[in-house]
C-alpha cells in the first residue's frame, strides 16, 4: 500500500478510545446532571487527553499553527480540545431531543428545506446540531452516507445514546450503495455525508488547504454529478456557551445534462475545489471547530 493510501486509511483504522459502557455512563450522567453539571465532568477528561494523547495533540498543534500562522499557545491548544469535547457532550443532549438547551441560529436554512438534495459537510463543528434542528421541521427526512465500518460504530454509539432514535444510514462500499442513495433522493430525502475523508489513494485529489496540499476524496463529488442533484454545504459551528451557528450554502445546482468521462472528472475537481475553499473559510471563521485529529496534510 502506498504512503498516501496508508495515511488516508489511518483515521478509519484507529481504535476508538471510548468504550460503549463508558459512553452509556456519560449519557446517564449527562441526562441527569444537565448540561452545566455534565460540562464539569469534561475538565478531567480533557486534561487526560491534553496530557497523554500524543498523536491527536500533534495533529491539533499542526492544524492550529496553519490556521493561526504561528505556533499555538497552550490556551489555544486547550480550547481546540475543549470545543471538540463540548460538541461530543452536546451530541448526547441533541440526540435526546434537548434542543431547548441551546441557542441555535440558522443561516440560509431555506436551501435545505426541499428534499432531493445532497448535503455535504466536514468534520468541522457539529453535524448533530444540524440533524437535530432538521428533526424539528415537519416532513424533512434525512439519510446519512457513511463508510461501512464507521456506520457500524456510529449505529452502536447512537443506540447507546438513544435506542429509540431511528437512524437512516447508507453504508458505502456495497454493490447497491449508489442505488440506495438515488432511491432516497427520489423519495425526497436529504442525503448527507462528510466529504473531507476518504479510505484510500484511489480517487483522492490533493487540493490547497490552509497553505499546503491535502488529500480529499473525489468520490462524493462524482456521485453528485452522476446523480444530477444540487449540492448544499452544511456547517454547524460551535460558537461558545450553548450557541451554534448553522450555515447552508449552495455549492452547485443540479447539472442540466448528464456528464461523463473527462468532463465528469474536470467538473468533480472543480466542485471539490469550491468545497475546500468554503471549508477553509469556515475554519478561519471558527478555528477551534476543526475535528480531524490526525495528520491531514501527510
C-alpha atoms as a PDB file:
ATOM      1  CA  UNK A   1       0.000   0.000   0.000  1.00  0.00           C
ATOM      2  CA  UNK A   2       1.302   3.447  -0.880  1.00  0.00           C
ATOM      3  CA  UNK A   3       2.113   6.001   1.817  1.00  0.00           C
ATOM      4  CA  UNK A   4      -0.828   8.170   0.735  1.00  0.00           C
ATOM      5  CA  UNK A   5      -3.237   5.245   0.892  1.00  0.00           C
ATOM      6  CA  UNK A   6      -1.946   4.147   4.281  1.00  0.00           C
ATOM      7  CA  UNK A   7      -2.371   7.627   5.717  1.00  0.00           C
ATOM      8  CA  UNK A   8      -5.815   8.072   4.155  1.00  0.00           C
ATOM      9  CA  UNK A   9      -6.978   4.894   5.891  1.00  0.00           C
ATOM     10  CA  UNK A  10      -5.330   5.707   9.218  1.00  0.00           C
ATOM     11  CA  UNK A  11      -8.364   7.532  10.612  1.00  0.00           C
ATOM     12  CA  UNK A  12     -10.619   4.579   9.775  1.00  0.00           C
ATOM     13  CA  UNK A  13      -8.245   2.009  11.320  1.00  0.00           C
ATOM     14  CA  UNK A  14      -7.707   3.820  14.600  1.00  0.00           C
ATOM     15  CA  UNK A  15      -9.287   2.143  17.595  1.00  0.00           C
ATOM     16  CA  UNK A  16     -11.807   4.375  19.307  1.00  0.00           C
ATOM     17  CA  UNK A  17     -10.761   5.181  22.862  1.00  0.00           C
ATOM     18  CA  UNK A  18     -14.307   5.441  24.207  1.00  0.00           C
ATOM     19  CA  UNK A  19     -15.820   2.035  25.026  1.00  0.00           C
ATOM     20  CA  UNK A  20     -19.597   1.671  24.884  1.00  0.00           C
ATOM     21  CA  UNK A  21     -20.019   1.121  28.663  1.00  0.00           C
ATOM     22  CA  UNK A  22     -18.221   4.427  29.277  1.00  0.00           C
ATOM     23  CA  UNK A  23     -20.393   6.137  26.666  1.00  0.00           C
ATOM     24  CA  UNK A  24     -23.522   4.783  28.368  1.00  0.00           C
ATOM     25  CA  UNK A  25     -22.268   6.065  31.723  1.00  0.00           C
ATOM     26  CA  UNK A  26     -21.605   9.517  30.262  1.00  0.00           C
ATOM     27  CA  UNK A  27     -25.082   9.528  28.696  1.00  0.00           C
ATOM     28  CA  UNK A  28     -26.685   8.620  32.018  1.00  0.00           C
ATOM     29  CA  UNK A  29     -24.741  11.319  33.888  1.00  0.00           C
ATOM     30  CA  UNK A  30     -25.328  13.964  31.217  1.00  0.00           C
ATOM     31  CA  UNK A  31     -29.077  13.450  31.129  1.00  0.00           C
ATOM     32  CA  UNK A  32     -29.356  13.554  34.925  1.00  0.00           C
ATOM     33  CA  UNK A  33     -26.903  16.314  35.728  1.00  0.00           C
ATOM     34  CA  UNK A  34     -27.966  18.556  32.849  1.00  0.00           C
ATOM     35  CA  UNK A  35     -25.564  20.378  30.580  1.00  0.00           C
ATOM     36  CA  UNK A  36     -23.911  22.640  33.228  1.00  0.00           C
ATOM     37  CA  UNK A  37     -23.178  19.698  35.521  1.00  0.00           C
ATOM     38  CA  UNK A  38     -22.007  17.491  32.659  1.00  0.00           C
ATOM     39  CA  UNK A  39     -19.621  20.214  31.470  1.00  0.00           C
ATOM     40  CA  UNK A  40     -17.804  19.922  34.804  1.00  0.00           C
ATOM     41  CA  UNK A  41     -17.126  16.263  34.015  1.00  0.00           C
ATOM     42  CA  UNK A  42     -15.310  17.281  30.861  1.00  0.00           C
ATOM     43  CA  UNK A  43     -12.452  19.036  32.656  1.00  0.00           C
ATOM     44  CA  UNK A  44     -10.689  15.889  33.942  1.00  0.00           C
ATOM     45  CA  UNK A  45     -11.425  14.058  30.670  1.00  0.00           C
ATOM     46  CA  UNK A  46      -9.962  16.910  28.604  1.00  0.00           C
ATOM     47  CA  UNK A  47      -6.983  17.187  30.935  1.00  0.00           C
ATOM     48  CA  UNK A  48      -6.204  13.500  30.444  1.00  0.00           C
ATOM     49  CA  UNK A  49      -6.346  13.745  26.642  1.00  0.00           C
ATOM     50  CA  UNK A  50      -4.443  17.025  26.667  1.00  0.00           C
ATOM     51  CA  UNK A  51      -1.589  15.468  28.631  1.00  0.00           C
ATOM     52  CA  UNK A  52      -1.462  11.909  27.300  1.00  0.00           C
ATOM     53  CA  UNK A  53      -2.999  11.692  23.788  1.00  0.00           C
ATOM     54  CA  UNK A  54       0.204  12.357  21.834  1.00  0.00           C
ATOM     55  CA  UNK A  55      -0.936  11.786  18.235  1.00  0.00           C
ATOM     56  CA  UNK A  56      -4.116  13.904  18.421  1.00  0.00           C
ATOM     57  CA  UNK A  57      -2.086  16.564  20.249  1.00  0.00           C
ATOM     58  CA  UNK A  58       0.450  16.741  17.414  1.00  0.00           C
ATOM     59  CA  UNK A  59      -2.339  16.953  14.846  1.00  0.00           C
ATOM     60  CA  UNK A  60      -4.010  19.761  16.802  1.00  0.00           C
ATOM     61  CA  UNK A  61      -0.762  21.738  17.061  1.00  0.00           C
ATOM     62  CA  UNK A  62      -0.103  21.313  13.331  1.00  0.00           C
ATOM     63  CA  UNK A  63      -3.599  22.481  12.370  1.00  0.00           C
ATOM     64  CA  UNK A  64      -3.568  25.436  14.778  1.00  0.00           C
ATOM     65  CA  UNK A  65      -0.149  26.555  13.515  1.00  0.00           C
ATOM     66  CA  UNK A  66      -1.540  26.585   9.969  1.00  0.00           C
ATOM     67  CA  UNK A  67      -4.732  28.449  10.819  1.00  0.00           C
ATOM     68  CA  UNK A  68      -3.036  30.959  13.158  1.00  0.00           C
ATOM     69  CA  UNK A  69       0.168  31.425  11.148  1.00  0.00           C
ATOM     70  CA  UNK A  70       2.305  30.801  14.255  1.00  0.00           C
ATOM     71  CA  UNK A  71       2.843  28.121  16.914  1.00  0.00           C
ATOM     72  CA  UNK A  72      -0.286  27.857  19.079  1.00  0.00           C
ATOM     73  CA  UNK A  73      -0.234  28.894  22.706  1.00  0.00           C
ATOM     74  CA  UNK A  74      -1.120  26.449  25.463  1.00  0.00           C
ATOM     75  CA  UNK A  75      -4.547  28.043  25.958  1.00  0.00           C
ATOM     76  CA  UNK A  76      -5.340  27.807  22.242  1.00  0.00           C
ATOM     77  CA  UNK A  77      -4.455  24.130  22.205  1.00  0.00           C
ATOM     78  CA  UNK A  78      -6.733  23.570  25.235  1.00  0.00           C
ATOM     79  CA  UNK A  79      -9.612  25.467  23.610  1.00  0.00           C
ATOM     80  CA  UNK A  80      -9.360  23.289  20.495  1.00  0.00           C
ATOM     81  CA  UNK A  81      -9.717  20.101  22.539  1.00  0.00           C
ATOM     82  CA  UNK A  82     -12.391  21.650  24.767  1.00  0.00           C
ATOM     83  CA  UNK A  83     -14.503  22.648  21.766  1.00  0.00           C
ATOM     84  CA  UNK A  84     -14.359  19.073  20.471  1.00  0.00           C
ATOM     85  CA  UNK A  85     -15.324  17.657  23.877  1.00  0.00           C
ATOM     86  CA  UNK A  86     -18.266  20.046  24.267  1.00  0.00           C
ATOM     87  CA  UNK A  87     -19.592  19.136  20.816  1.00  0.00           C
ATOM     88  CA  UNK A  88     -19.432  15.446  21.779  1.00  0.00           C
ATOM     89  CA  UNK A  89     -21.288  16.124  25.021  1.00  0.00           C
ATOM     90  CA  UNK A  90     -23.895  18.209  23.233  1.00  0.00           C
ATOM     91  CA  UNK A  91     -24.420  15.345  20.814  1.00  0.00           C
ATOM     92  CA  UNK A  92     -25.827  13.293  23.698  1.00  0.00           C
ATOM     93  CA  UNK A  93     -28.342  16.004  24.546  1.00  0.00           C
ATOM     94  CA  UNK A  94     -29.265  16.704  20.920  1.00  0.00           C
ATOM     95  CA  UNK A  95     -29.864  13.017  20.203  1.00  0.00           C
ATOM     96  CA  UNK A  96     -32.251  13.016  23.160  1.00  0.00           C
ATOM     97  CA  UNK A  97     -34.203  15.977  21.749  1.00  0.00           C
ATOM     98  CA  UNK A  98     -32.933  18.501  24.308  1.00  0.00           C
ATOM     99  CA  UNK A  99     -32.815  21.193  21.620  1.00  0.00           C
ATOM    100  CA  UNK A 100     -34.312  23.704  24.042  1.00  0.00           C
ATOM    101  CA  UNK A 101     -30.970  23.749  25.913  1.00  0.00           C
ATOM    102  CA  UNK A 102     -29.292  25.528  23.004  1.00  0.00           C
ATOM    103  CA  UNK A 103     -29.266  28.861  21.218  1.00  0.00           C
ATOM    104  CA  UNK A 104     -29.215  27.915  17.532  1.00  0.00           C
ATOM    105  CA  UNK A 105     -29.026  30.413  14.683  1.00  0.00           C
ATOM    106  CA  UNK A 106     -29.928  29.219  11.178  1.00  0.00           C
ATOM    107  CA  UNK A 107     -28.403  30.927   8.143  1.00  0.00           C
ATOM    108  CA  UNK A 108     -29.932  30.346   4.676  1.00  0.00           C
ATOM    109  CA  UNK A 109     -31.913  27.390   6.002  1.00  0.00           C
ATOM    110  CA  UNK A 110     -34.258  27.541   3.010  1.00  0.00           C
ATOM    111  CA  UNK A 111     -31.524  25.868   0.938  1.00  0.00           C
ATOM    112  CA  UNK A 112     -32.058  22.675   2.925  1.00  0.00           C
ATOM    113  CA  UNK A 113     -35.852  22.864   3.064  1.00  0.00           C
ATOM    114  CA  UNK A 114     -36.527  20.898  -0.123  1.00  0.00           C
ATOM    115  CA  UNK A 115     -35.822  17.197  -0.369  1.00  0.00           C
ATOM    116  CA  UNK A 116     -33.811  15.511  -3.063  1.00  0.00           C
ATOM    117  CA  UNK A 117     -30.546  17.384  -2.436  1.00  0.00           C
ATOM    118  CA  UNK A 118     -27.127  16.259  -1.252  1.00  0.00           C
ATOM    119  CA  UNK A 119     -25.816  17.903   1.927  1.00  0.00           C
ATOM    120  CA  UNK A 120     -22.017  17.926   2.108  1.00  0.00           C
ATOM    121  CA  UNK A 121     -20.382  18.598   5.447  1.00  0.00           C
ATOM    122  CA  UNK A 122     -16.974  18.037   7.026  1.00  0.00           C
ATOM    123  CA  UNK A 123     -15.518  17.114  10.398  1.00  0.00           C
ATOM    124  CA  UNK A 124     -15.982  20.751  11.279  1.00  0.00           C
ATOM    125  CA  UNK A 125     -18.230  21.731  14.167  1.00  0.00           C
ATOM    126  CA  UNK A 126     -21.301  19.625  14.950  1.00  0.00           C
ATOM    127  CA  UNK A 127     -23.267  17.665  12.410  1.00  0.00           C
ATOM    128  CA  UNK A 128     -25.627  16.549  15.160  1.00  0.00           C
ATOM    129  CA  UNK A 129     -26.940  20.072  15.751  1.00  0.00           C
ATOM    130  CA  UNK A 130     -27.894  20.243  12.057  1.00  0.00           C
ATOM    131  CA  UNK A 131     -29.685  16.911  12.225  1.00  0.00           C
ATOM    132  CA  UNK A 132     -31.454  17.843  15.475  1.00  0.00           C
ATOM    133  CA  UNK A 133     -32.678  21.124  14.009  1.00  0.00           C
ATOM    134  CA  UNK A 134     -33.894  19.225  10.940  1.00  0.00           C
ATOM    135  CA  UNK A 135     -35.915  16.800  13.069  1.00  0.00           C
ATOM    136  CA  UNK A 136     -37.987  19.743  14.288  1.00  0.00           C
ATOM    137  CA  UNK A 137     -39.119  20.522  10.720  1.00  0.00           C
ATOM    138  CA  UNK A 138     -42.178  18.568   9.663  1.00  0.00           C
ATOM    139  CA  UNK A 139     -41.754  16.398   6.599  1.00  0.00           C
ATOM    140  CA  UNK A 140     -37.967  16.769   6.429  1.00  0.00           C
ATOM    141  CA  UNK A 141     -36.267  13.382   6.069  1.00  0.00           C
ATOM    142  CA  UNK A 142     -32.524  12.831   6.246  1.00  0.00           C
ATOM    143  CA  UNK A 143     -30.367   9.844   5.336  1.00  0.00           C
ATOM    144  CA  UNK A 144     -26.652   9.645   6.118  1.00  0.00           C
ATOM    145  CA  UNK A 145     -23.974   8.126   3.895  1.00  0.00           C
ATOM    146  CA  UNK A 146     -21.035   6.582   5.782  1.00  0.00           C
ATOM    147  CA  UNK A 147     -18.198   4.155   5.208  1.00  0.00           C
ATOM    148  CA  UNK A 148     -19.339   0.720   6.298  1.00  0.00           C
ATOM    149  CA  UNK A 149     -17.013   0.340   9.301  1.00  0.00           C
ATOM    150  CA  UNK A 150     -17.905   3.805  10.596  1.00  0.00           C
ATOM    151  CA  UNK A 151     -21.603   3.115  10.049  1.00  0.00           C
ATOM    152  CA  UNK A 152     -21.380   0.116  12.402  1.00  0.00           C
ATOM    153  CA  UNK A 153     -19.514   2.147  15.033  1.00  0.00           C
ATOM    154  CA  UNK A 154     -21.924   5.061  14.710  1.00  0.00           C
ATOM    155  CA  UNK A 155     -25.007   2.849  14.993  1.00  0.00           C
ATOM    156  CA  UNK A 156     -23.591   1.243  18.148  1.00  0.00           C
ATOM    157  CA  UNK A 157     -22.873   4.630  19.727  1.00  0.00           C
ATOM    158  CA  UNK A 158     -26.266   6.055  18.711  1.00  0.00           C
ATOM    159  CA  UNK A 159     -28.035   3.020  20.148  1.00  0.00           C
ATOM    160  CA  UNK A 160     -26.131   3.554  23.403  1.00  0.00           C
ATOM    161  CA  UNK A 161     -27.250   7.187  23.489  1.00  0.00           C
ATOM    162  CA  UNK A 162     -30.865   6.790  22.393  1.00  0.00           C
ATOM    163  CA  UNK A 163     -32.162   3.313  21.432  1.00  0.00           C
ATOM    164  CA  UNK A 164     -35.492   4.759  20.281  1.00  0.00           C
ATOM    165  CA  UNK A 165     -33.978   7.074  17.674  1.00  0.00           C
ATOM    166  CA  UNK A 166     -34.434   5.570  14.206  1.00  0.00           C
ATOM    167  CA  UNK A 167     -31.363   6.033  12.031  1.00  0.00           C
ATOM    168  CA  UNK A 168     -31.295   6.056   8.258  1.00  0.00           C
ATOM    169  CA  UNK A 169     -27.680   5.182   7.395  1.00  0.00           C
ATOM    170  CA  UNK A 170     -26.460   4.112   3.952  1.00  0.00           C
ATOM    171  CA  UNK A 171     -23.169   2.205   4.015  1.00  0.00           C
ATOM    172  CA  UNK A 172     -20.685   2.953   1.241  1.00  0.00           C
ATOM    173  CA  UNK A 173     -18.703   0.162  -0.390  1.00  0.00           C
ATOM    174  CA  UNK A 174     -21.653  -2.123  -1.088  1.00  0.00           C
ATOM    175  CA  UNK A 175     -22.915  -3.009  -4.605  1.00  0.00           C
ATOM    176  CA  UNK A 176     -26.246  -1.233  -4.067  1.00  0.00           C
ATOM    177  CA  UNK A 177     -24.938   1.836  -2.214  1.00  0.00           C
ATOM    178  CA  UNK A 178     -25.375   4.232  -5.134  1.00  0.00           C
ATOM    179  CA  UNK A 179     -28.808   2.798  -5.972  1.00  0.00           C
ATOM    180  CA  UNK A 180     -29.915   3.271  -2.360  1.00  0.00           C
ATOM    181  CA  UNK A 181     -28.702   6.880  -2.376  1.00  0.00           C
ATOM    182  CA  UNK A 182     -30.638   7.525  -5.604  1.00  0.00           C
ATOM    183  CA  UNK A 183     -33.772   5.868  -4.194  1.00  0.00           C
ATOM    184  CA  UNK A 184     -33.661   8.069  -1.097  1.00  0.00           C
ATOM    185  CA  UNK A 185     -33.151  11.221  -3.160  1.00  0.00           C
ATOM    186  CA  UNK A 186     -36.029  10.254  -5.461  1.00  0.00           C
ATOM    187  CA  UNK A 187     -38.197   9.746  -2.371  1.00  0.00           C
ATOM    188  CA  UNK A 188     -37.487  13.328  -1.274  1.00  0.00           C
ATOM    189  CA  UNK A 189     -34.834  12.689   1.351  1.00  0.00           C
ATOM    190  CA  UNK A 190     -31.918  14.973   2.020  1.00  0.00           C
ATOM    191  CA  UNK A 191     -28.815  12.784   1.824  1.00  0.00           C
ATOM    192  CA  UNK A 192     -25.920  13.995   3.950  1.00  0.00           C
ATOM    193  CA  UNK A 193     -22.284  12.974   4.092  1.00  0.00           C
ATOM    194  CA  UNK A 194     -18.998  14.293   5.437  1.00  0.00           C
ATOM    195  CA  UNK A 195     -16.906  14.784   2.305  1.00  0.00           C
ATOM    196  CA  UNK A 196     -13.493  15.556   3.783  1.00  0.00           C
ATOM    197  CA  UNK A 197     -12.292  11.973   4.356  1.00  0.00           C
ATOM    198  CA  UNK A 198     -11.581   9.041   2.043  1.00  0.00           C
ATOM    199  CA  UNK A 199     -10.416   5.468   2.521  1.00  0.00           C
ATOM    200  CA  UNK A 200      -7.582   5.170   0.002  1.00  0.00           C
ATOM    201  CA  UNK A 201      -5.349   6.822  -2.586  1.00  0.00           C
ATOM    202  CA  UNK A 202      -7.755   5.919  -5.389  1.00  0.00           C
ATOM    203  CA  UNK A 203      -9.917   8.882  -6.230  1.00  0.00           C
ATOM    204  CA  UNK A 204      -8.098  11.277  -3.915  1.00  0.00           C
ATOM    205  CA  UNK A 205      -7.185  14.753  -5.119  1.00  0.00           C
ATOM    206  CA  UNK A 206      -4.611  16.987  -3.435  1.00  0.00           C
ATOM    207  CA  UNK A 207      -6.029  20.482  -3.009  1.00  0.00           C
ATOM    208  CA  UNK A 208      -4.513  23.551  -1.387  1.00  0.00           C
ATOM    209  CA  UNK A 209      -5.959  23.871   2.104  1.00  0.00           C
ATOM    210  CA  UNK A 210      -4.657  26.285   4.740  1.00  0.00           C
ATOM    211  CA  UNK A 211      -1.461  26.865   2.783  1.00  0.00           C
ATOM    212  CA  UNK A 212      -0.490  23.298   1.840  1.00  0.00           C
ATOM    213  CA  UNK A 213      -1.847  20.452  -0.320  1.00  0.00           C
ATOM    214  CA  UNK A 214      -4.147  17.989   1.454  1.00  0.00           C
ATOM    215  CA  UNK A 215      -5.840  14.870   0.088  1.00  0.00           C
ATOM    216  CA  UNK A 216      -9.639  14.993  -0.316  1.00  0.00           C
ATOM    217  CA  UNK A 217     -11.852  12.277  -1.844  1.00  0.00           C
ATOM    218  CA  UNK A 218     -13.322  12.891  -5.289  1.00  0.00           C
ATOM    219  CA  UNK A 219     -15.996  10.197  -4.927  1.00  0.00           C
ATOM    220  CA  UNK A 220     -18.724  12.334  -3.290  1.00  0.00           C
ATOM    221  CA  UNK A 221     -18.397  14.995  -5.984  1.00  0.00           C
ATOM    222  CA  UNK A 222     -18.504  12.468  -8.823  1.00  0.00           C
ATOM    223  CA  UNK A 223     -21.598  10.967  -7.192  1.00  0.00           C
ATOM    224  CA  UNK A 224     -23.361  14.341  -7.054  1.00  0.00           C
ATOM    225  CA  UNK A 225     -22.698  14.948 -10.751  1.00  0.00           C
ATOM    226  CA  UNK A 226     -23.714  11.442 -11.816  1.00  0.00           C
ATOM    227  CA  UNK A 227     -26.957  11.665  -9.829  1.00  0.00           C
ATOM    228  CA  UNK A 228     -27.536  15.226 -11.133  1.00  0.00           C
ATOM    229  CA  UNK A 229     -28.520  16.612  -7.767  1.00  0.00           C
ATOM    230  CA  UNK A 230     -27.875  20.012  -6.159  1.00  0.00           C
ATOM    231  CA  UNK A 231     -25.102  20.097  -3.579  1.00  0.00           C
ATOM    232  CA  UNK A 232     -25.577  22.169  -0.421  1.00  0.00           C
ATOM    233  CA  UNK A 233     -22.727  22.778   2.021  1.00  0.00           C
ATOM    234  CA  UNK A 234     -23.751  22.363   5.673  1.00  0.00           C
ATOM    235  CA  UNK A 235     -21.744  23.558   8.668  1.00  0.00           C
ATOM    236  CA  UNK A 236     -22.815  23.666  12.333  1.00  0.00           C
ATOM    237  CA  UNK A 237     -20.267  25.804  14.171  1.00  0.00           C
ATOM    238  CA  UNK A 238     -19.951  25.798  17.955  1.00  0.00           C
ATOM    239  CA  UNK A 239     -19.758  29.461  18.998  1.00  0.00           C
ATOM    240  CA  UNK A 240     -19.200  29.050  22.747  1.00  0.00           C
ATOM    241  CA  UNK A 241     -21.623  28.743  25.622  1.00  0.00           C
ATOM    242  CA  UNK A 242     -24.703  26.958  24.300  1.00  0.00           C
ATOM    243  CA  UNK A 243     -24.708  28.690  20.907  1.00  0.00           C
ATOM    244  CA  UNK A 244     -24.409  27.086  17.482  1.00  0.00           C
ATOM    245  CA  UNK A 245     -24.464  28.783  14.096  1.00  0.00           C
ATOM    246  CA  UNK A 246     -25.761  26.587  11.277  1.00  0.00           C
ATOM    247  CA  UNK A 247     -24.802  27.676   7.769  1.00  0.00           C
ATOM    248  CA  UNK A 248     -26.085  26.373   4.445  1.00  0.00           C
ATOM    249  CA  UNK A 249     -24.577  27.346   1.093  1.00  0.00           C
ATOM    250  CA  UNK A 250     -25.419  26.187  -2.409  1.00  0.00           C
ATOM    251  CA  UNK A 251     -22.198  24.718  -3.813  1.00  0.00           C
ATOM    252  CA  UNK A 252     -23.650  23.558  -7.129  1.00  0.00           C
ATOM    253  CA  UNK A 253     -27.016  23.402  -8.822  1.00  0.00           C
ATOM    254  CA  UNK A 254     -28.136  20.137 -10.400  1.00  0.00           C
ATOM    255  CA  UNK A 255     -26.411  19.637 -13.785  1.00  0.00           C
ATOM    256  CA  UNK A 256     -28.749  20.385 -16.674  1.00  0.00           C
ATOM    257  CA  UNK A 257     -27.392  17.456 -18.710  1.00  0.00           C
ATOM    258  CA  UNK A 258     -25.554  14.199 -17.958  1.00  0.00           C
ATOM    259  CA  UNK A 259     -21.769  14.425 -17.664  1.00  0.00           C
ATOM    260  CA  UNK A 260     -19.261  11.609 -18.156  1.00  0.00           C
ATOM    261  CA  UNK A 261     -15.659  10.839 -18.974  1.00  0.00           C
ATOM    262  CA  UNK A 262     -13.142  13.676 -18.892  1.00  0.00           C
ATOM    263  CA  UNK A 263     -15.911  16.260 -18.433  1.00  0.00           C
ATOM    264  CA  UNK A 264     -17.131  14.452 -15.318  1.00  0.00           C
ATOM    265  CA  UNK A 265     -13.637  14.341 -13.839  1.00  0.00           C
ATOM    266  CA  UNK A 266     -13.000  18.034 -14.533  1.00  0.00           C
ATOM    267  CA  UNK A 267     -16.373  19.049 -13.080  1.00  0.00           C
ATOM    268  CA  UNK A 268     -15.816  16.911  -9.966  1.00  0.00           C
ATOM    269  CA  UNK A 269     -12.397  18.505  -9.366  1.00  0.00           C
ATOM    270  CA  UNK A 270     -13.860  21.987  -9.814  1.00  0.00           C
ATOM    271  CA  UNK A 271     -16.660  21.218  -7.322  1.00  0.00           C
ATOM    272  CA  UNK A 272     -14.152  19.765  -4.858  1.00  0.00           C
ATOM    273  CA  UNK A 273     -12.021  22.928  -5.037  1.00  0.00           C
ATOM    274  CA  UNK A 274     -15.129  25.027  -4.348  1.00  0.00           C
ATOM    275  CA  UNK A 275     -15.971  22.834  -1.354  1.00  0.00           C
ATOM    276  CA  UNK A 276     -12.436  23.033   0.093  1.00  0.00           C
ATOM    277  CA  UNK A 277     -12.361  26.824  -0.294  1.00  0.00           C
ATOM    278  CA  UNK A 278     -15.571  27.166   1.701  1.00  0.00           C
ATOM    279  CA  UNK A 279     -14.393  24.705   4.378  1.00  0.00           C
ATOM    280  CA  UNK A 280     -11.264  26.823   4.755  1.00  0.00           C
ATOM    281  CA  UNK A 281     -13.457  29.930   5.087  1.00  0.00           C
ATOM    282  CA  UNK A 282     -15.368  28.377   7.994  1.00  0.00           C
ATOM    283  CA  UNK A 283     -12.166  27.118   9.623  1.00  0.00           C
ATOM    284  CA  UNK A 284     -10.918  30.698   9.675  1.00  0.00           C
ATOM    285  CA  UNK A 285     -14.282  31.894  10.981  1.00  0.00           C
ATOM    286  CA  UNK A 286     -14.253  29.394  13.885  1.00  0.00           C
ATOM    287  CA  UNK A 287     -10.720  27.937  14.194  1.00  0.00           C
ATOM    288  CA  UNK A 288     -11.401  25.574  17.105  1.00  0.00           C
ATOM    289  CA  UNK A 289     -14.121  23.701  15.210  1.00  0.00           C
ATOM    290  CA  UNK A 290     -11.796  21.529  13.064  1.00  0.00           C
ATOM    291  CA  UNK A 291     -12.028  17.939  14.355  1.00  0.00           C
ATOM    292  CA  UNK A 292      -9.714  15.877  12.135  1.00  0.00           C
ATOM    293  CA  UNK A 293      -7.194  14.831  14.784  1.00  0.00           C
ATOM    294  CA  UNK A 294      -4.680  13.102  12.523  1.00  0.00           C
ATOM    295  CA  UNK A 295      -2.030  14.263  10.039  1.00  0.00           C
ATOM    296  CA  UNK A 296      -4.389  15.690   7.449  1.00  0.00           C
ATOM    297  CA  UNK A 297      -1.619  17.088   5.232  1.00  0.00           C
ATOM    298  CA  UNK A 298       0.567  13.919   5.005  1.00  0.00           C
END
